[in-house]
Amino acid sequence: MILTQGELCIRGYWNLPDGVSKDNVLDWFKSNIEETGLCDLTDTLYFPQTADAEFWNILPQGTRSVLVQPVLLSPNPSMNYIRNIEGFILLASSMRYAYNEKDRAWIRAVSNKLRSKN
């Protein structure tokens, strides 16, 4: 899942609660993102062996590893940013210890590519 510049991109298999219609899927994701505080994340989160990820309703059932990489605004010394968080990249895996250091470095590089040039 990627959220950047207000746009949400979701790929893969996600468990949605019963009663969420196709028309309301994005709203469901956005409200859960707000509840978890992912939009305010400034540092990378990596949970290499979480048990069923009960702490976030947004994650697929059976999730064992979670990596969340924030997308931050490009530094601009001429502007004083109150909020420099632009979004995040979230990866979930059914394998424990799914993301090694090279994987996490690659995701950081992708995050840097998604920065806007304000």
N, C-alpha and C. Protein backbone atom coordinates (compact mmCIF):
# COMPACT_ATOMS: atom_id res chain seq x y z
N MET A 1 0.85 -1.16 0.00
CA MET A 1 0.00 0.00 0.00
C MET A 1 0.90 1.23 0.00
N ILE A 2 0.53 2.21 -0.80
CA ILE A 2 1.27 3.46 -0.85
C ILE A 2 0.27 4.61 -0.72
N LEU A 3 0.55 5.53 0.16
CA LEU A 3 -0.21 6.76 0.27
C LEU A 3 0.78 7.90 0.13
N THR A 4 0.59 8.72 -0.89
CA THR A 4 1.46 9.88 -1.08
C THR A 4 0.70 10.96 -1.82
N GLN A 5 0.92 12.19 -1.43
CA GLN A 5 0.28 13.35 -2.03
C GLN A 5 -1.24 13.19 -2.08
N GLY A 6 -1.80 12.56 -1.05
CA GLY A 6 -3.24 12.38 -0.95
C GLY A 6 -3.81 11.26 -1.80
N GLU A 7 -2.97 10.56 -2.53
CA GLU A 7 -3.42 9.46 -3.39
C GLU A 7 -3.07 8.12 -2.75
N LEU A 8 -3.99 7.17 -2.86
CA LEU A 8 -3.83 5.87 -2.25
C LEU A 8 -3.74 4.80 -3.32
N CYS A 9 -2.70 3.96 -3.24
CA CYS A 9 -2.51 2.84 -4.17
C CYS A 9 -2.45 1.57 -3.33
N ILE A 10 -3.37 0.65 -3.61
CA ILE A 10 -3.45 -0.58 -2.83
C ILE A 10 -3.31 -1.76 -3.78
N ARG A 11 -2.41 -2.66 -3.44
CA ARG A 11 -2.20 -3.84 -4.26
C ARG A 11 -2.07 -5.05 -3.35
N GLY A 12 -2.54 -6.18 -3.81
CA GLY A 12 -2.44 -7.40 -3.04
C GLY A 12 -3.77 -7.80 -2.44
N TYR A 13 -3.72 -8.74 -1.53
CA TYR A 13 -4.92 -9.27 -0.88
C TYR A 13 -5.08 -8.64 0.49
N TRP A 14 -6.21 -7.99 0.72
CA TRP A 14 -6.50 -7.35 2.00
C TRP A 14 -7.85 -7.87 2.48
N ASN A 15 -7.94 -8.19 3.74
CA ASN A 15 -9.21 -8.64 4.32
C ASN A 15 -10.05 -7.43 4.66
N LEU A 16 -11.20 -7.34 4.04
CA LEU A 16 -12.12 -6.26 4.34
C LEU A 16 -13.24 -6.80 5.22
N PRO A 17 -13.74 -5.98 6.14
CA PRO A 17 -14.84 -6.45 6.96
C PRO A 17 -16.10 -6.66 6.12
N ASP A 18 -16.94 -7.56 6.58
CA ASP A 18 -18.22 -7.77 5.90
C ASP A 18 -19.00 -6.47 5.89
N GLY A 19 -19.69 -6.23 4.82
CA GLY A 19 -20.53 -5.04 4.72
C GLY A 19 -19.85 -3.85 4.07
N VAL A 20 -18.56 -3.93 3.78
CA VAL A 20 -17.89 -2.82 3.10
C VAL A 20 -18.07 -3.03 1.60
N SER A 21 -18.82 -2.13 0.98
CA SER A 21 -19.08 -2.27 -0.45
C SER A 21 -17.86 -1.81 -1.25
N LYS A 22 -17.83 -2.21 -2.51
CA LYS A 22 -16.72 -1.80 -3.37
C LYS A 22 -16.62 -0.28 -3.46
N ASP A 23 -17.76 0.39 -3.41
CA ASP A 23 -17.76 1.85 -3.48
C ASP A 23 -17.15 2.50 -2.23
N ASN A 24 -17.15 1.78 -1.11
CA ASN A 24 -16.67 2.34 0.15
C ASN A 24 -15.30 1.83 0.58
N VAL A 25 -14.66 1.02 -0.25
CA VAL A 25 -13.37 0.42 0.12
C VAL A 25 -12.32 1.49 0.41
N LEU A 26 -12.17 2.47 -0.47
CA LEU A 26 -11.15 3.50 -0.25
C LEU A 26 -11.43 4.30 1.02
N ASP A 27 -12.71 4.62 1.26
CA ASP A 27 -13.05 5.34 2.48
C ASP A 27 -12.72 4.52 3.72
N TRP A 28 -12.95 3.18 3.65
CA TRP A 28 -12.62 2.31 4.77
C TRP A 28 -11.12 2.34 5.04
N PHE A 29 -10.32 2.22 3.97
CA PHE A 29 -8.87 2.27 4.13
C PHE A 29 -8.43 3.61 4.71
N LYS A 30 -8.95 4.70 4.17
CA LYS A 30 -8.54 6.03 4.64
C LYS A 30 -8.89 6.24 6.11
N SER A 31 -10.06 5.80 6.54
CA SER A 31 -10.43 5.98 7.95
C SER A 31 -9.54 5.13 8.86
N ASN A 32 -9.19 3.92 8.43
CA ASN A 32 -8.30 3.08 9.23
C ASN A 32 -6.88 3.64 9.26
N ILE A 33 -6.45 4.23 8.17
CA ILE A 33 -5.12 4.86 8.13
C ILE A 33 -5.07 6.00 9.14
N GLU A 34 -6.13 6.80 9.18
CA GLU A 34 -6.18 7.91 10.14
C GLU A 34 -6.17 7.39 11.58
N GLU A 35 -6.93 6.31 11.84
CA GLU A 35 -6.99 5.75 13.19
C GLU A 35 -5.64 5.22 13.65
N THR A 36 -4.87 4.63 12.76
CA THR A 36 -3.57 4.06 13.14
C THR A 36 -2.49 5.11 13.30
N GLY A 37 -2.70 6.30 12.76
CA GLY A 37 -1.69 7.35 12.85
C GLY A 37 -0.57 7.21 11.83
N LEU A 38 -0.76 6.38 10.82
CA LEU A 38 0.29 6.19 9.82
C LEU A 38 0.63 7.48 9.07
N CYS A 39 -0.34 8.36 8.93
CA CYS A 39 -0.10 9.61 8.20
C CYS A 39 0.86 10.54 8.95
N ASP A 40 1.06 10.29 10.24
CA ASP A 40 1.95 11.12 11.05
C ASP A 40 3.30 10.48 11.31
N LEU A 41 3.56 9.36 10.68
CA LEU A 41 4.79 8.61 10.90
C LEU A 41 6.00 9.34 10.33
N THR A 42 7.03 9.52 11.15
CA THR A 42 8.24 10.19 10.68
C THR A 42 9.45 9.25 10.60
N ASP A 43 9.36 8.09 11.23
CA ASP A 43 10.45 7.11 11.20
C ASP A 43 9.93 5.78 10.69
N THR A 44 10.84 4.99 10.14
CA THR A 44 10.49 3.67 9.64
C THR A 44 10.07 2.77 10.79
N LEU A 45 9.00 2.00 10.57
CA LEU A 45 8.56 0.98 11.51
C LEU A 45 8.78 -0.38 10.88
N TYR A 46 9.38 -1.28 11.62
CA TYR A 46 9.55 -2.65 11.13
C TYR A 46 9.24 -3.61 12.26
N PHE A 47 8.23 -4.42 12.05
CA PHE A 47 7.86 -5.47 12.99
C PHE A 47 8.14 -6.79 12.29
N PRO A 48 9.29 -7.43 12.57
CA PRO A 48 9.68 -8.62 11.83
C PRO A 48 8.90 -9.88 12.20
N GLN A 49 8.26 -9.89 13.35
CA GLN A 49 7.56 -11.12 13.74
C GLN A 49 6.32 -10.81 14.58
N THR A 50 5.43 -10.09 14.02
CA THR A 50 4.19 -9.77 14.71
C THR A 50 3.19 -10.91 14.57
N ALA A 51 2.43 -11.16 15.58
CA ALA A 51 1.48 -12.28 15.56
C ALA A 51 0.11 -11.82 15.09
N ASP A 52 -0.25 -12.17 13.90
CA ASP A 52 -1.54 -11.87 13.29
C ASP A 52 -1.88 -10.38 13.25
N ALA A 53 -0.97 -9.53 13.58
CA ALA A 53 -1.14 -8.08 13.46
C ALA A 53 -2.48 -7.62 14.01
N GLU A 54 -2.79 -8.05 15.21
CA GLU A 54 -4.07 -7.69 15.82
C GLU A 54 -4.18 -6.20 16.13
N PHE A 55 -3.06 -5.50 16.15
CA PHE A 55 -3.07 -4.09 16.52
C PHE A 55 -3.55 -3.18 15.40
N TRP A 56 -3.62 -3.65 14.16
CA TRP A 56 -4.12 -2.82 13.06
C TRP A 56 -5.15 -3.61 12.28
N ASN A 57 -6.37 -3.11 12.23
CA ASN A 57 -7.42 -3.77 11.45
C ASN A 57 -7.13 -3.75 9.96
N ILE A 58 -6.28 -2.86 9.55
CA ILE A 58 -6.03 -2.65 8.13
C ILE A 58 -5.20 -3.76 7.50
N LEU A 59 -4.44 -4.49 8.31
CA LEU A 59 -3.54 -5.51 7.76
C LEU A 59 -4.28 -6.81 7.45
N PRO A 60 -3.83 -7.51 6.42
CA PRO A 60 -4.44 -8.80 6.10
C PRO A 60 -4.26 -9.81 7.24
N GLN A 61 -5.25 -10.68 7.39
CA GLN A 61 -5.15 -11.74 8.38
C GLN A 61 -3.95 -12.63 8.05
N GLY A 62 -3.21 -13.03 9.06
CA GLY A 62 -2.04 -13.87 8.84
C GLY A 62 -0.75 -13.09 8.63
N THR A 63 -0.80 -11.78 8.75
CA THR A 63 0.40 -10.96 8.60
C THR A 63 1.39 -11.29 9.70
N ARG A 64 2.63 -11.52 9.31
CA ARG A 64 3.70 -11.84 10.27
C ARG A 64 4.77 -10.76 10.31
N SER A 65 5.00 -10.07 9.20
CA SER A 65 5.98 -8.98 9.15
C SER A 65 5.31 -7.74 8.57
N VAL A 66 5.66 -6.60 9.14
CA VAL A 66 5.13 -5.33 8.65
C VAL A 66 6.27 -4.33 8.55
N LEU A 67 6.35 -3.66 7.43
CA LEU A 67 7.32 -2.59 7.22
C LEU A 67 6.57 -1.35 6.77
N VAL A 68 6.75 -0.24 7.48
CA VAL A 68 6.12 1.02 7.11
C VAL A 68 7.22 2.06 6.97
N GLN A 69 7.35 2.60 5.77
CA GLN A 69 8.37 3.60 5.45
C GLN A 69 7.68 4.92 5.15
N PRO A 70 7.95 5.98 5.93
CA PRO A 70 7.32 7.26 5.62
C PRO A 70 7.87 7.87 4.34
N VAL A 71 7.03 8.63 3.67
CA VAL A 71 7.45 9.44 2.53
C VAL A 71 7.45 10.88 3.04
N LEU A 72 8.62 11.47 3.11
CA LEU A 72 8.77 12.82 3.66
C LEU A 72 8.98 13.82 2.53
N LEU A 73 8.59 15.06 2.77
CA LEU A 73 8.83 16.11 1.79
C LEU A 73 10.32 16.32 1.61
N SER A 74 10.71 16.70 0.42
CA SER A 74 12.11 17.04 0.18
C SER A 74 12.48 18.24 1.03
N PRO A 75 13.66 18.20 1.63
CA PRO A 75 14.07 19.34 2.45
C PRO A 75 14.23 20.60 1.59
N ASN A 76 13.71 21.69 2.08
CA ASN A 76 13.82 22.97 1.39
C ASN A 76 14.13 24.02 2.45
N PRO A 77 15.38 24.46 2.53
CA PRO A 77 15.76 25.39 3.59
C PRO A 77 15.04 26.74 3.53
N SER A 78 14.50 27.12 2.38
CA SER A 78 13.83 28.41 2.27
C SER A 78 12.41 28.39 2.82
N MET A 79 11.89 27.20 3.12
CA MET A 79 10.53 27.09 3.64
C MET A 79 10.57 26.42 5.00
N ASN A 80 9.71 26.88 5.89
CA ASN A 80 9.62 26.29 7.21
C ASN A 80 8.39 25.38 7.23
N TYR A 81 8.60 24.07 7.11
CA TYR A 81 7.49 23.13 7.07
C TYR A 81 7.00 22.83 8.48
N ILE A 82 5.70 22.96 8.66
CA ILE A 82 5.10 22.53 9.92
C ILE A 82 4.90 21.03 9.86
N ARG A 83 4.52 20.54 8.71
CA ARG A 83 4.28 19.11 8.51
C ARG A 83 5.08 18.67 7.30
N ASN A 84 6.08 17.84 7.51
CA ASN A 84 6.92 17.42 6.40
C ASN A 84 6.63 15.98 5.98
N ILE A 85 5.50 15.43 6.43
CA ILE A 85 5.14 14.05 6.10
C ILE A 85 4.20 14.08 4.90
N GLU A 86 4.56 13.33 3.90
CA GLU A 86 3.77 13.32 2.68
C GLU A 86 2.96 12.04 2.51
N GLY A 87 3.34 10.99 3.21
CA GLY A 87 2.63 9.72 3.10
C GLY A 87 3.47 8.59 3.62
N PHE A 88 3.23 7.38 3.11
CA PHE A 88 3.98 6.22 3.57
C PHE A 88 3.86 5.09 2.56
N ILE A 89 4.76 4.13 2.70
CA ILE A 89 4.70 2.86 1.99
C ILE A 89 4.55 1.78 3.06
N LEU A 90 3.55 0.93 2.91
CA LEU A 90 3.32 -0.15 3.86
C LEU A 90 3.43 -1.48 3.13
N LEU A 91 4.27 -2.36 3.66
CA LEU A 91 4.39 -3.72 3.12
C LEU A 91 4.04 -4.70 4.23
N ALA A 92 3.24 -5.70 3.89
CA ALA A 92 2.86 -6.74 4.84
C ALA A 92 3.18 -8.09 4.22
N SER A 93 3.68 -9.00 5.05
CA SER A 93 4.05 -10.32 4.57
C SER A 93 3.56 -11.39 5.54
N SER A 94 3.26 -12.56 5.00
CA SER A 94 2.86 -13.69 5.84
C SER A 94 4.08 -14.42 6.39
N MET A 95 5.28 -13.97 6.02
CA MET A 95 6.53 -14.59 6.51
C MET A 95 7.14 -13.73 7.61
N ARG A 96 7.68 -14.37 8.63
CA ARG A 96 8.41 -13.63 9.66
C ARG A 96 9.77 -13.23 9.09
N TYR A 97 10.27 -12.11 9.54
CA TYR A 97 11.56 -11.58 9.10
C TYR A 97 11.62 -11.50 7.57
N ALA A 98 10.56 -10.98 6.97
CA ALA A 98 10.44 -10.98 5.50
C ALA A 98 11.32 -9.94 4.83
N TYR A 99 11.69 -8.88 5.53
CA TYR A 99 12.41 -7.77 4.89
C TYR A 99 13.80 -7.61 5.51
N ASN A 100 14.82 -7.95 4.74
CA ASN A 100 16.18 -7.81 5.25
C ASN A 100 16.66 -6.37 5.02
N GLU A 101 17.89 -6.09 5.39
CA GLU A 101 18.41 -4.72 5.28
C GLU A 101 18.41 -4.22 3.84
N LYS A 102 18.73 -5.09 2.89
CA LYS A 102 18.72 -4.67 1.48
C LYS A 102 17.30 -4.32 1.03
N ASP A 103 16.31 -5.08 1.46
CA ASP A 103 14.91 -4.78 1.14
C ASP A 103 14.51 -3.43 1.72
N ARG A 104 14.87 -3.21 2.97
CA ARG A 104 14.51 -1.95 3.63
C ARG A 104 15.21 -0.77 2.97
N ALA A 105 16.45 -0.94 2.52
CA ALA A 105 17.16 0.13 1.81
C ALA A 105 16.47 0.42 0.48
N TRP A 106 16.02 -0.62 -0.20
CA TRP A 106 15.33 -0.43 -1.48
C TRP A 106 14.02 0.33 -1.28
N ILE A 107 13.27 0.00 -0.23
CA ILE A 107 12.02 0.70 0.06
C ILE A 107 12.29 2.15 0.43
N ARG A 108 13.38 2.42 1.16
CA ARG A 108 13.76 3.81 1.46
C ARG A 108 14.02 4.57 0.16
N ALA A 109 14.70 3.93 -0.79
CA ALA A 109 14.99 4.57 -2.07
C ALA A 109 13.70 4.86 -2.84
N VAL A 110 12.76 3.93 -2.81
CA VAL A 110 11.46 4.17 -3.47
C VAL A 110 10.75 5.33 -2.79
N SER A 111 10.79 5.36 -1.47
CA SER A 111 10.17 6.46 -0.72
C SER A 111 10.77 7.80 -1.12
N ASN A 112 12.09 7.84 -1.27
CA ASN A 112 12.75 9.09 -1.68
C ASN A 112 12.34 9.51 -3.08
N LYS A 113 12.10 8.54 -3.97
CA LYS A 113 11.65 8.86 -5.33
C LYS A 113 10.25 9.46 -5.34
N LEU A 114 9.43 9.11 -4.35
CA LEU A 114 8.05 9.60 -4.29
C LEU A 114 7.93 10.99 -3.68
N ARG A 115 9.02 11.53 -3.18
CA ARG A 115 8.97 12.87 -2.60
C ARG A 115 8.59 13.90 -3.64
N SER A 116 7.75 14.85 -3.23
CA SER A 116 7.45 15.95 -4.14
C SER A 116 8.56 16.98 -4.02
N LYS A 117 8.69 17.78 -5.02
CA LYS A 117 9.76 18.79 -5.07
C LYS A 117 9.19 20.16 -4.75
N ASN A 118 8.73 20.35 -3.52
CA ASN A 118 8.15 21.64 -3.12
C ASN A 118 9.22 22.66 -2.83
